[in-house]
PDB file of N, CA and C in Angstrom:
ATOM      1  N   MET A   1     -19.712  -8.342 -23.043  1.00  0.00           N
ATOM      2  CA  MET A   1     -19.007  -7.427 -22.022  1.00  0.00           C
ATOM      3  C   MET A   1     -17.895  -6.412 -22.538  1.00  0.00           C
ATOM      4  N   ASN A   2     -18.045  -5.460 -22.115  1.00  0.00           N
ATOM      5  CA  ASN A   2     -17.004  -4.197 -22.729  1.00  0.00           C
ATOM      6  C   ASN A   2     -15.829  -4.275 -21.891  1.00  0.00           C
ATOM      7  N   ASP A   3     -14.667  -4.745 -22.484  1.00  0.00           N
ATOM      8  CA  ASP A   3     -13.367  -4.837 -21.567  1.00  0.00           C
ATOM      9  C   ASP A   3     -12.772  -3.477 -21.545  1.00  0.00           C
ATOM     10  N   ASN A   4     -13.191  -2.518 -22.497  1.00  0.00           N
ATOM     11  CA  ASN A   4     -12.520  -1.026 -22.335  1.00  0.00           C
ATOM     12  C   ASN A   4     -13.048  -0.182 -21.407  1.00  0.00           C
ATOM     13  N   ILE A   5     -13.849  -0.786 -20.293  1.00  0.00           N
ATOM     14  CA  ILE A   5     -14.304   0.150 -19.307  1.00  0.00           C
ATOM     15  C   ILE A   5     -13.269   0.550 -18.242  1.00  0.00           C
ATOM     16  N   ASN A   6     -13.030   1.783 -18.015  1.00  0.00           N
ATOM     17  CA  ASN A   6     -11.984   2.284 -17.104  1.00  0.00           C
ATOM     18  C   ASN A   6     -12.283   1.833 -15.534  1.00  0.00           C
ATOM     19  N   PRO A   7     -11.507   1.109 -15.060  1.00  0.00           N
ATOM     20  CA  PRO A   7     -11.759   0.763 -13.619  1.00  0.00           C
ATOM     21  C   PRO A   7     -12.095   1.800 -12.725  1.00  0.00           C
ATOM     22  N   SER A   8     -11.537   2.836 -12.770  1.00  0.00           N
ATOM     23  CA  SER A   8     -11.967   4.088 -12.005  1.00  0.00           C
ATOM     24  C   SER A   8     -13.273   4.585 -12.053  1.00  0.00           C
ATOM     25  N   ASP A   9     -13.894   4.221 -13.244  1.00  0.00           N
ATOM     26  CA  ASP A   9     -15.285   4.543 -13.385  1.00  0.00           C
ATOM     27  C   ASP A   9     -16.272   3.346 -12.691  1.00  0.00           C
ATOM     28  N   ARG A  10     -15.835   2.338 -12.396  1.00  0.00           N
ATOM     29  CA  ARG A  10     -16.654   1.290 -11.441  1.00  0.00           C
ATOM     30  C   ARG A  10     -16.442   1.743  -9.793  1.00  0.00           C
ATOM     31  N   GLN A  11     -15.509   2.460  -9.645  1.00  0.00           N
ATOM     32  CA  GLN A  11     -15.350   2.726  -8.115  1.00  0.00           C
ATOM     33  C   GLN A  11     -16.064   4.078  -7.835  1.00  0.00           C
ATOM     34  N   GLY A  12     -16.341   4.292  -6.541  1.00  0.00           N
ATOM     35  CA  GLY A  12     -17.127   5.522  -6.113  1.00  0.00           C
ATOM     36  C   GLY A  12     -16.221   6.720  -5.939  1.00  0.00           C
ATOM     37  N   LYS A  13     -16.750   7.765  -6.172  1.00  0.00           N
ATOM     38  CA  LYS A  13     -16.128   8.922  -6.103  1.00  0.00           C
ATOM     39  C   LYS A  13     -15.609   9.507  -4.851  1.00  0.00           C
ATOM     40  N   ILE A  14     -14.443  10.189  -4.753  1.00  0.00           N
ATOM     41  CA  ILE A  14     -13.969  10.628  -3.498  1.00  0.00           C
ATOM     42  C   ILE A  14     -13.840  12.261  -3.739  1.00  0.00           C
ATOM     43  N   GLU A  15     -14.576  13.109  -2.909  1.00  0.00           N
ATOM     44  CA  GLU A  15     -14.551  14.479  -3.148  1.00  0.00           C
ATOM     45  C   GLU A  15     -13.952  15.010  -1.636  1.00  0.00           C
ATOM     46  N   LEU A  16     -12.820  15.702  -1.697  1.00  0.00           N
ATOM     47  CA  LEU A  16     -12.480  16.599  -0.639  1.00  0.00           C
ATOM     48  C   LEU A  16     -13.373  17.613  -0.054  1.00  0.00           C
ATOM     49  N   ILE A  17     -13.713  17.274   1.189  1.00  0.00           N
ATOM     50  CA  ILE A  17     -14.845  18.421   1.702  1.00  0.00           C
ATOM     51  C   ILE A  17     -14.068  19.675   2.468  1.00  0.00           C
ATOM     52  N   ALA A  18     -13.041  19.128   3.360  1.00  0.00           N
ATOM     53  CA  ALA A  18     -12.203  20.202   4.118  1.00  0.00           C
ATOM     54  C   ALA A  18     -10.924  19.470   4.273  1.00  0.00           C
ATOM     55  N   SER A  19     -10.023  20.262   4.870  1.00  0.00           N
ATOM     56  CA  SER A  19      -8.685  19.992   5.540  1.00  0.00           C
ATOM     57  C   SER A  19      -8.236  21.087   6.362  1.00  0.00           C
ATOM     58  N   GLN A  20      -7.547  20.560   7.390  1.00  0.00           N
ATOM     59  CA  GLN A  20      -7.119  21.561   8.302  1.00  0.00           C
ATOM     60  C   GLN A  20      -5.636  21.203   8.726  1.00  0.00           C
ATOM     61  N   ARG A  21      -4.836  22.196   8.811  1.00  0.00           N
ATOM     62  CA  ARG A  21      -3.588  22.021   9.228  1.00  0.00           C
ATOM     63  C   ARG A  21      -3.344  22.216  10.728  1.00  0.00           C
ATOM     64  N   LEU A  22      -2.505  21.382  11.497  1.00  0.00           N
ATOM     65  CA  LEU A  22      -2.389  21.365  12.928  1.00  0.00           C
ATOM     66  C   LEU A  22      -1.264  20.923  13.344  1.00  0.00           C
ATOM     67  N   SER A  23      -0.590  21.311  14.524  1.00  0.00           N
ATOM     68  CA  SER A  23       0.473  20.962  15.161  1.00  0.00           C
ATOM     69  C   SER A  23       0.519  19.347  15.093  1.00  0.00           C
ATOM     70  N   VAL A  24       1.789  19.011  15.110  1.00  0.00           N
ATOM     71  CA  VAL A  24       1.916  17.547  15.392  1.00  0.00           C
ATOM     72  C   VAL A  24       1.358  16.924  16.537  1.00  0.00           C
ATOM     73  N   ASN A  25       0.566  15.983  16.475  1.00  0.00           N
ATOM     74  CA  ASN A  25       0.019  15.334  17.561  1.00  0.00           C
ATOM     75  C   ASN A  25       0.169  13.743  17.572  1.00  0.00           C
ATOM     76  N   GLY A  26       1.027  13.225  18.245  1.00  0.00           N
ATOM     77  CA  GLY A  26       1.117  11.806  18.116  1.00  0.00           C
ATOM     78  C   GLY A  26      -0.130  10.835  18.077  1.00  0.00           C
ATOM     79  N   GLU A  27      -1.238  11.304  18.874  1.00  0.00           N
ATOM     80  CA  GLU A  27      -2.356  10.382  18.886  1.00  0.00           C
ATOM     81  C   GLU A  27      -3.495  10.905  17.969  1.00  0.00           C
ATOM     82  N   LEU A  28      -3.269  11.897  17.059  1.00  0.00           N
ATOM     83  CA  LEU A  28      -4.223  12.203  16.072  1.00  0.00           C
ATOM     84  C   LEU A  28      -4.624  11.184  15.243  1.00  0.00           C
ATOM     85  N   TYR A  29      -3.854  10.230  14.883  1.00  0.00           N
ATOM     86  CA  TYR A  29      -4.257   9.151  14.138  1.00  0.00           C
ATOM     87  C   TYR A  29      -5.341   8.183  14.756  1.00  0.00           C
ATOM     88  N   LYS A  30      -5.564   8.062  16.074  1.00  0.00           N
ATOM     89  CA  LYS A  30      -6.430   7.415  16.719  1.00  0.00           C
ATOM     90  C   LYS A  30      -7.776   8.050  16.611  1.00  0.00           C
ATOM     91  N   VAL A  31      -7.800   9.375  16.380  1.00  0.00           N
ATOM     92  CA  VAL A  31      -9.066  10.154  16.300  1.00  0.00           C
ATOM     93  C   VAL A  31      -9.587   9.820  14.795  1.00  0.00           C
ATOM     94  N   VAL A  32      -8.582   9.910  13.836  1.00  0.00           N
ATOM     95  CA  VAL A  32      -8.954   9.650  12.511  1.00  0.00           C
ATOM     96  C   VAL A  32      -9.342   8.241  12.070  1.00  0.00           C
ATOM     97  N   ASP A  33      -8.789   7.255  12.912  1.00  0.00           N
ATOM     98  CA  ASP A  33      -9.144   5.802  12.864  1.00  0.00           C
ATOM     99  C   ASP A  33     -10.566   5.731  13.401  1.00  0.00           C
ATOM    100  N   PHE A  34     -10.891   6.474  14.487  1.00  0.00           N
ATOM    101  CA  PHE A  34     -12.069   6.344  15.197  1.00  0.00           C
ATOM    102  C   PHE A  34     -13.303   6.882  14.160  1.00  0.00           C
ATOM    103  N   LEU A  35     -12.891   8.118  13.738  1.00  0.00           N
ATOM    104  CA  LEU A  35     -14.072   8.768  12.799  1.00  0.00           C
ATOM    105  C   LEU A  35     -14.341   7.921  11.574  1.00  0.00           C
ATOM    106  N   ASN A  36     -13.245   7.336  10.957  1.00  0.00           N
ATOM    107  CA  ASN A  36     -13.544   6.458   9.866  1.00  0.00           C
ATOM    108  C   ASN A  36     -14.387   5.191  10.181  1.00  0.00           C
ATOM    109  N   LYS A  37     -14.049   4.476  11.291  1.00  0.00           N
ATOM    110  CA  LYS A  37     -14.852   3.252  11.666  1.00  0.00           C
ATOM    111  C   LYS A  37     -16.232   3.573  12.000  1.00  0.00           C
ATOM    112  N   ASN A  38     -16.359   4.666  12.640  1.00  0.00           N
ATOM    113  CA  ASN A  38     -17.793   5.101  13.176  1.00  0.00           C
ATOM    114  C   ASN A  38     -18.787   5.904  12.291  1.00  0.00           C
ATOM    115  N   LEU A  39     -18.091   6.412  11.109  1.00  0.00           N
ATOM    116  CA  LEU A  39     -18.801   7.394  10.280  1.00  0.00           C
ATOM    117  C   LEU A  39     -18.777   6.867   8.767  1.00  0.00           C
ATOM    118  N   LYS A  40     -18.252   5.645   8.844  1.00  0.00           N
ATOM    119  CA  LYS A  40     -18.323   4.868   7.511  1.00  0.00           C
ATOM    120  C   LYS A  40     -19.713   4.970   6.793  1.00  0.00           C
ATOM    121  N   GLY A  41     -20.875   4.556   7.335  1.00  0.00           N
ATOM    122  CA  GLY A  41     -22.129   4.429   6.942  1.00  0.00           C
ATOM    123  C   GLY A  41     -22.674   5.810   6.571  1.00  0.00           C
ATOM    124  N   HIS A  42     -21.856   6.975   6.920  1.00  0.00           N
ATOM    125  CA  HIS A  42     -22.549   8.151   6.452  1.00  0.00           C
ATOM    126  C   HIS A  42     -21.521   8.856   5.447  1.00  0.00           C
ATOM    127  N   HIS A  43     -20.874   8.015   4.515  1.00  0.00           N
ATOM    128  CA  HIS A  43     -20.285   8.213   3.254  1.00  0.00           C
ATOM    129  C   HIS A  43     -19.205   9.176   3.775  1.00  0.00           C
ATOM    130  N   LEU A  44     -18.542   9.311   4.681  1.00  0.00           N
ATOM    131  CA  LEU A  44     -17.237  10.090   4.821  1.00  0.00           C
ATOM    132  C   LEU A  44     -16.187   9.274   5.335  1.00  0.00           C
ATOM    133  N   MET A  45     -14.939   9.854   4.894  1.00  0.00           N
ATOM    134  CA  MET A  45     -13.572   9.298   4.930  1.00  0.00           C
ATOM    135  C   MET A  45     -12.751  10.288   5.632  1.00  0.00           C
ATOM    136  N   PHE A  46     -11.750   9.923   6.639  1.00  0.00           N
ATOM    137  CA  PHE A  46     -10.919  10.964   6.942  1.00  0.00           C
ATOM    138  C   PHE A  46      -9.581  10.537   6.748  1.00  0.00           C
ATOM    139  N   GLY A  47      -8.468  11.278   6.228  1.00  0.00           N
ATOM    140  CA  GLY A  47      -7.302  11.166   6.015  1.00  0.00           C
ATOM    141  C   GLY A  47      -6.664  11.908   6.934  1.00  0.00           C
ATOM    142  N   LEU A  48      -4.916  11.650   7.210  1.00  0.00           N
ATOM    143  CA  LEU A  48      -4.105  12.298   7.968  1.00  0.00           C
ATOM    144  C   LEU A  48      -2.672  12.166   7.269  1.00  0.00           C
ATOM    145  N   THR A  49      -2.110  13.363   7.045  1.00  0.00           N
ATOM    146  CA  THR A  49      -0.823  13.361   6.462  1.00  0.00           C
ATOM    147  C   THR A  49       0.031  14.361   7.433  1.00  0.00           C
ATOM    148  N   LYS A  50       1.199  14.016   7.348  1.00  0.00           N
ATOM    149  CA  LYS A  50       2.279  14.828   7.997  1.00  0.00           C
ATOM    150  C   LYS A  50       3.235  15.852   6.954  1.00  0.00           C
ATOM    151  N   LYS A  51       3.244  16.763   6.898  1.00  0.00           N
ATOM    152  CA  LYS A  51       4.067  17.612   6.107  1.00  0.00           C
ATOM    153  C   LYS A  51       4.716  18.464   6.962  1.00  0.00           C
ATOM    154  N   GLU A  52       6.034  18.363   6.852  1.00  0.00           N
ATOM    155  CA  GLU A  52       7.129  18.886   7.583  1.00  0.00           C
ATOM    156  C   GLU A  52       6.727  18.972   9.016  1.00  0.00           C
ATOM    157  N   ASP A  53       6.571  20.084   9.817  1.00  0.00           N
ATOM    158  CA  ASP A  53       6.230  19.931  11.312  1.00  0.00           C
ATOM    159  C   ASP A  53       4.945  20.151  11.430  1.00  0.00           C
ATOM    160  N   LYS A  54       4.003  20.014  10.651  1.00  0.00           N
ATOM    161  CA  LYS A  54       2.438  19.895  10.715  1.00  0.00           C
ATOM    162  C   LYS A  54       1.955  18.815  10.255  1.00  0.00           C
ATOM    163  N   MET A  55       0.586  18.367  10.926  1.00  0.00           N
ATOM    164  CA  MET A  55      -0.135  17.446  10.368  1.00  0.00           C
ATOM    165  C   MET A  55      -1.430  18.074   9.634  1.00  0.00           C
ATOM    166  N   VAL A  56      -1.991  17.308   8.677  1.00  0.00           N
ATOM    167  CA  VAL A  56      -3.080  17.749   7.983  1.00  0.00           C
ATOM    168  C   VAL A  56      -4.231  16.669   8.159  1.00  0.00           C
ATOM    169  N   ILE A  57      -5.225  17.024   8.636  1.00  0.00           N
ATOM    170  CA  ILE A  57      -6.556  16.174   8.701  1.00  0.00           C
ATOM    171  C   ILE A  57      -7.389  16.639   7.447  1.00  0.00           C
ATOM    172  N   SER A  58      -7.922  15.572   6.797  1.00  0.00           N
ATOM    173  CA  SER A  58      -8.787  15.892   5.458  1.00  0.00           C
ATOM    174  C   SER A  58     -10.012  15.111   5.685  1.00  0.00           C
ATOM    175  N   VAL A  59     -10.996  15.448   5.244  1.00  0.00           N
ATOM    176  CA  VAL A  59     -12.406  14.981   5.237  1.00  0.00           C
ATOM    177  C   VAL A  59     -12.970  14.953   3.783  1.00  0.00           C
ATOM    178  N   TYR A  60     -13.341  13.661   3.393  1.00  0.00           N
ATOM    179  CA  TYR A  60     -13.753  13.279   2.088  1.00  0.00           C
ATOM    180  C   TYR A  60     -15.216  12.819   2.322  1.00  0.00           C
ATOM    181  N   GLU A  61     -15.903  13.051   1.199  1.00  0.00           N
ATOM    182  CA  GLU A  61     -17.168  12.278   0.878  1.00  0.00           C
ATOM    183  C   GLU A  61     -17.079  11.381  -0.158  1.00  0.00           C
ATOM    184  N   VAL A  62     -17.564  10.084   0.279  1.00  0.00           N
ATOM    185  CA  VAL A  62     -17.310   8.943  -0.794  1.00  0.00           C
ATOM    186  C   VAL A  62     -18.615   8.509  -1.139  1.00  0.00           C
ATOM    187  N   GLU A  63     -18.667   7.935  -2.423  1.00  0.00           N
ATOM    188  CA  GLU A  63     -19.896   7.383  -2.747  1.00  0.00           C
ATOM    189  C   GLU A  63     -19.841   5.792  -2.821  1.00  0.00           C
TER     190      GLU A  63
END
């Protein structure tokens, strides 16, 4: 067994497909959670970050 294998090589890749900056909405996290739960089988993952007075929703393709 090769102990020199980088652990990140064993994990799937994550590629950013798109992102969109939106006004702050306190319930947007519910949409992201819903999308992640229901589209997991389609190799998609959604992220949400808050930057200053805006929120950024991101769509990723995962392997």
